Amino acid sequence: MNQSPLNQAQFEQQFGLKIRHKLNLGNAALNATTADRLFQARQQALSRHTATIGELSLAGLSRHFFSRGEDLWRPAAAAMALIAFLVCGDYIMSVQRAADLEEVDSALLADDLPINAYLDRGFDTWLNSSGQR
């Protein structure tokens, strides 16, 4: 039975009214002793029932937010996870690139060649030709 929420609410309200009517008809047919015993049992059950209306608890608060905002929380959580993944990936890549540059700089500084040799255009050509061999 696929009904829209509005039709479902109307159905439940009509169903509740029909049940109330049937119970009232049955209640009228009861004798006074049985009706009094039912009333006493109801009063006793109500006295044992602890009402929690008006109390605020963290569990109820989280249930309220997650049940009402579930359609909003899931896409937002997915977007936040994607952003966190991208930021972490970018950070790891930048750290790796910095480590690579540090290694190259350390090798250049530890070498015996003067800085002017690295600035010479012929040296760059020689490096490319020796790298291909």
C-alpha atoms as a PDB file:
ATOM      1  CA  MET A   1       0.000   0.000   0.000  1.00  0.00           C
ATOM      2  CA  ASN A   2       1.967   3.029  -1.268  1.00  0.00           C
ATOM      3  CA  GLN A   3       0.246   6.135  -0.022  1.00  0.00           C
ATOM      4  CA  SER A   4       1.616   9.625   0.179  1.00  0.00           C
ATOM      5  CA  PRO A   5       2.361  10.962   3.709  1.00  0.00           C
ATOM      6  CA  LEU A   6      -0.728  13.156   3.668  1.00  0.00           C
ATOM      7  CA  ASN A   7      -2.987  10.275   2.619  1.00  0.00           C
ATOM      8  CA  GLN A   8      -1.314   8.006   5.188  1.00  0.00           C
ATOM      9  CA  ALA A   9      -2.022  10.535   7.967  1.00  0.00           C
ATOM     10  CA  GLN A  10      -5.635  10.864   6.877  1.00  0.00           C
ATOM     11  CA  PHE A  11      -5.970   7.081   6.746  1.00  0.00           C
ATOM     12  CA  GLU A  12      -4.535   6.708  10.270  1.00  0.00           C
ATOM     13  CA  GLN A  13      -6.839   9.401  11.622  1.00  0.00           C
ATOM     14  CA  GLN A  14      -9.931   7.781  10.076  1.00  0.00           C
ATOM     15  CA  PHE A  15      -8.828   4.358  11.300  1.00  0.00           C
ATOM     16  CA  GLY A  16      -8.356   5.733  14.826  1.00  0.00           C
ATOM     17  CA  LEU A  17     -11.827   7.288  14.768  1.00  0.00           C
ATOM     18  CA  LYS A  18     -13.381   3.969  13.694  1.00  0.00           C
ATOM     19  CA  ILE A  19     -11.587   2.106  16.489  1.00  0.00           C
ATOM     20  CA  ARG A  20     -12.681   4.699  19.054  1.00  0.00           C
ATOM     21  CA  HIS A  21     -16.274   4.362  17.875  1.00  0.00           C
ATOM     22  CA  LYS A  22     -16.175   0.536  18.164  1.00  0.00           C
ATOM     23  CA  LEU A  23     -14.625   0.740  21.648  1.00  0.00           C
ATOM     24  CA  ASN A  24     -17.260   3.231  22.780  1.00  0.00           C
ATOM     25  CA  LEU A  25     -20.007   0.897  21.534  1.00  0.00           C
ATOM     26  CA  GLY A  26     -18.409  -2.009  23.427  1.00  0.00           C
ATOM     27  CA  ASN A  27     -17.967   0.131  26.533  1.00  0.00           C
ATOM     28  CA  ALA A  28     -21.667   0.962  26.584  1.00  0.00           C
ATOM     29  CA  ALA A  29     -22.496  -2.741  26.601  1.00  0.00           C
ATOM     30  CA  LEU A  30     -20.296  -3.477  29.679  1.00  0.00           C
ATOM     31  CA  ASN A  31     -21.826  -3.807  33.097  1.00  0.00           C
ATOM     32  CA  ALA A  32     -20.853  -1.338  35.821  1.00  0.00           C
ATOM     33  CA  THR A  33     -18.551  -3.730  37.701  1.00  0.00           C
ATOM     34  CA  THR A  34     -16.457  -4.564  34.634  1.00  0.00           C
ATOM     35  CA  ALA A  35     -16.287  -0.899  33.587  1.00  0.00           C
ATOM     36  CA  ASP A  36     -15.138   0.065  37.097  1.00  0.00           C
ATOM     37  CA  ARG A  37     -12.445  -2.638  37.098  1.00  0.00           C
ATOM     38  CA  LEU A  38     -11.201  -1.465  33.685  1.00  0.00           C
ATOM     39  CA  PHE A  39     -11.111   2.131  34.945  1.00  0.00           C
ATOM     40  CA  GLN A  40      -9.121   1.119  38.050  1.00  0.00           C
ATOM     41  CA  ALA A  41      -6.661  -0.893  35.948  1.00  0.00           C
ATOM     42  CA  ARG A  42      -6.168   2.088  33.620  1.00  0.00           C
ATOM     43  CA  GLN A  43      -5.584   4.442  36.554  1.00  0.00           C
ATOM     44  CA  GLN A  44      -3.058   2.030  38.061  1.00  0.00           C
ATOM     45  CA  ALA A  45      -1.200   1.728  34.727  1.00  0.00           C
ATOM     46  CA  LEU A  46      -1.133   5.492  34.328  1.00  0.00           C
ATOM     47  CA  SER A  47       0.263   5.959  37.843  1.00  0.00           C
ATOM     48  CA  ARG A  48       3.132   3.558  37.059  1.00  0.00           C
ATOM     49  CA  HIS A  49       3.929   5.255  33.786  1.00  0.00           C
ATOM     50  CA  THR A  50       6.678   7.858  34.162  1.00  0.00           C
ATOM     51  CA  ALA A  51       6.224  10.831  31.916  1.00  0.00           C
ATOM     52  CA  THR A  52       9.401  12.156  30.294  1.00  0.00           C
ATOM     53  CA  ILE A  53       7.791  15.137  28.618  1.00  0.00           C
ATOM     54  CA  GLY A  54       9.832  18.280  28.997  1.00  0.00           C
ATOM     55  CA  GLU A  55      13.124  16.557  29.744  1.00  0.00           C
ATOM     56  CA  LEU A  56      16.038  17.238  27.451  1.00  0.00           C
ATOM     57  CA  SER A  57      18.623  14.572  26.873  1.00  0.00           C
ATOM     58  CA  LEU A  58      21.551  14.337  24.510  1.00  0.00           C
ATOM     59  CA  ALA A  59      20.280  11.076  23.061  1.00  0.00           C
ATOM     60  CA  GLY A  60      16.946  12.628  22.211  1.00  0.00           C
ATOM     61  CA  LEU A  61      18.624  15.691  20.808  1.00  0.00           C
ATOM     62  CA  SER A  62      20.869  13.701  18.496  1.00  0.00           C
ATOM     63  CA  ARG A  63      17.940  11.542  17.400  1.00  0.00           C
ATOM     64  CA  HIS A  64      15.995  14.715  16.630  1.00  0.00           C
ATOM     65  CA  PHE A  65      18.763  16.168  14.466  1.00  0.00           C
ATOM     66  CA  PHE A  66      19.614  12.955  12.649  1.00  0.00           C
ATOM     67  CA  SER A  67      16.033  11.918  11.973  1.00  0.00           C
ATOM     68  CA  ARG A  68      14.873  15.316  10.739  1.00  0.00           C
ATOM     69  CA  GLY A  69      18.029  16.388   8.973  1.00  0.00           C
ATOM     70  CA  GLU A  70      19.064  13.043   7.532  1.00  0.00           C
ATOM     71  CA  ASP A  71      18.501  14.300   4.005  1.00  0.00           C
ATOM     72  CA  LEU A  72      20.792  17.243   4.754  1.00  0.00           C
ATOM     73  CA  TRP A  73      23.459  15.482   6.852  1.00  0.00           C
ATOM     74  CA  ARG A  74      24.382  12.730   4.423  1.00  0.00           C
ATOM     75  CA  PRO A  75      25.323  14.975   1.465  1.00  0.00           C
ATOM     76  CA  ALA A  76      27.051  17.425   3.807  1.00  0.00           C
ATOM     77  CA  ALA A  77      29.047  14.619   5.435  1.00  0.00           C
ATOM     78  CA  ALA A  78      30.014  13.245   2.028  1.00  0.00           C
ATOM     79  CA  ALA A  79      31.131  16.712   0.880  1.00  0.00           C
ATOM     80  CA  MET A  80      33.168  17.223   4.068  1.00  0.00           C
ATOM     81  CA  ALA A  81      34.825  13.822   3.633  1.00  0.00           C
ATOM     82  CA  LEU A  82      35.694  14.657   0.019  1.00  0.00           C
ATOM     83  CA  ILE A  83      37.148  18.039   1.026  1.00  0.00           C
ATOM     84  CA  ALA A  84      39.175  16.418   3.830  1.00  0.00           C
ATOM     85  CA  PHE A  85      40.479  13.794   1.391  1.00  0.00           C
ATOM     86  CA  LEU A  86      41.535  16.458  -1.118  1.00  0.00           C
ATOM     87  CA  VAL A  87      43.198  18.636   1.525  1.00  0.00           C
ATOM     88  CA  CYS A  88      45.110  15.667   2.976  1.00  0.00           C
ATOM     89  CA  GLY A  89      46.182  14.546  -0.499  1.00  0.00           C
ATOM     90  CA  ASP A  90      47.392  18.041  -1.361  1.00  0.00           C
ATOM     91  CA  TYR A  91      49.308  18.264   1.921  1.00  0.00           C
ATOM     92  CA  ILE A  92      50.986  14.893   1.365  1.00  0.00           C
ATOM     93  CA  MET A  93      51.936  15.836  -2.206  1.00  0.00           C
ATOM     94  CA  SER A  94      53.421  19.175  -1.078  1.00  0.00           C
ATOM     95  CA  VAL A  95      55.437  17.475   1.673  1.00  0.00           C
ATOM     96  CA  GLN A  96      56.728  14.927  -0.831  1.00  0.00           C
ATOM     97  CA  ARG A  97      57.659  17.649  -3.329  1.00  0.00           C
ATOM     98  CA  ALA A  98      59.451  19.622  -0.597  1.00  0.00           C
ATOM     99  CA  ALA A  99      61.405  16.474   0.347  1.00  0.00           C
ATOM    100  CA  ASP A 100      62.387  15.946  -3.295  1.00  0.00           C
ATOM    101  CA  LEU A 101      63.544  19.553  -3.651  1.00  0.00           C
ATOM    102  CA  GLU A 102      65.456  19.270  -0.397  1.00  0.00           C
ATOM    103  CA  GLU A 103      67.254  16.206  -1.714  1.00  0.00           C
ATOM    104  CA  VAL A 104      68.220  17.996  -4.944  1.00  0.00           C
ATOM    105  CA  ASP A 105      69.385  21.079  -3.033  1.00  0.00           C
ATOM    106  CA  SER A 106      71.446  18.946  -0.655  1.00  0.00           C
ATOM    107  CA  ALA A 107      73.087  17.145  -3.580  1.00  0.00           C
ATOM    108  CA  LEU A 108      73.901  20.458  -5.265  1.00  0.00           C
ATOM    109  CA  LEU A 109      75.360  21.970  -2.117  1.00  0.00           C
ATOM    110  CA  ALA A 110      77.415  18.869  -1.326  1.00  0.00           C
ATOM    111  CA  ASP A 111      78.896  18.772  -4.838  1.00  0.00           C
ATOM    112  CA  ASP A 112      82.417  20.120  -5.575  1.00  0.00           C
ATOM    113  CA  LEU A 113      81.375  22.119  -8.626  1.00  0.00           C
ATOM    114  CA  PRO A 114      81.077  25.879  -8.209  1.00  0.00           C
ATOM    115  CA  ILE A 115      77.662  27.525  -8.669  1.00  0.00           C
ATOM    116  CA  ASN A 116      78.815  29.192 -11.937  1.00  0.00           C
ATOM    117  CA  ALA A 117      79.171  25.745 -13.499  1.00  0.00           C
ATOM    118  CA  TYR A 118      75.473  25.119 -13.014  1.00  0.00           C
ATOM    119  CA  LEU A 119      74.632  28.481 -14.628  1.00  0.00           C
ATOM    120  CA  ASP A 120      76.664  27.702 -17.764  1.00  0.00           C
ATOM    121  CA  ARG A 121      74.472  26.763 -20.764  1.00  0.00           C
ATOM    122  CA  GLY A 122      76.965  24.233 -21.977  1.00  0.00           C
ATOM    123  CA  PHE A 123      76.787  22.404 -18.654  1.00  0.00           C
ATOM    124  CA  ASP A 124      73.022  22.019 -19.044  1.00  0.00           C
ATOM    125  CA  THR A 125      73.544  20.583 -22.521  1.00  0.00           C
ATOM    126  CA  TRP A 126      76.222  18.237 -21.224  1.00  0.00           C
ATOM    127  CA  LEU A 127      73.848  17.023 -18.451  1.00  0.00           C
ATOM    128  CA  ASN A 128      71.104  16.270 -20.972  1.00  0.00           C
ATOM    129  CA  SER A 129      73.449  14.400 -23.299  1.00  0.00           C
ATOM    130  CA  SER A 130      75.048  12.413 -20.478  1.00  0.00           C
ATOM    131  CA  GLY A 131      71.621  11.521 -19.082  1.00  0.00           C
ATOM    132  CA  GLN A 132      70.612   9.973 -22.401  1.00  0.00           C
ATOM    133  CA  ARG A 133      73.627   7.630 -22.445  1.00  0.00           C
END
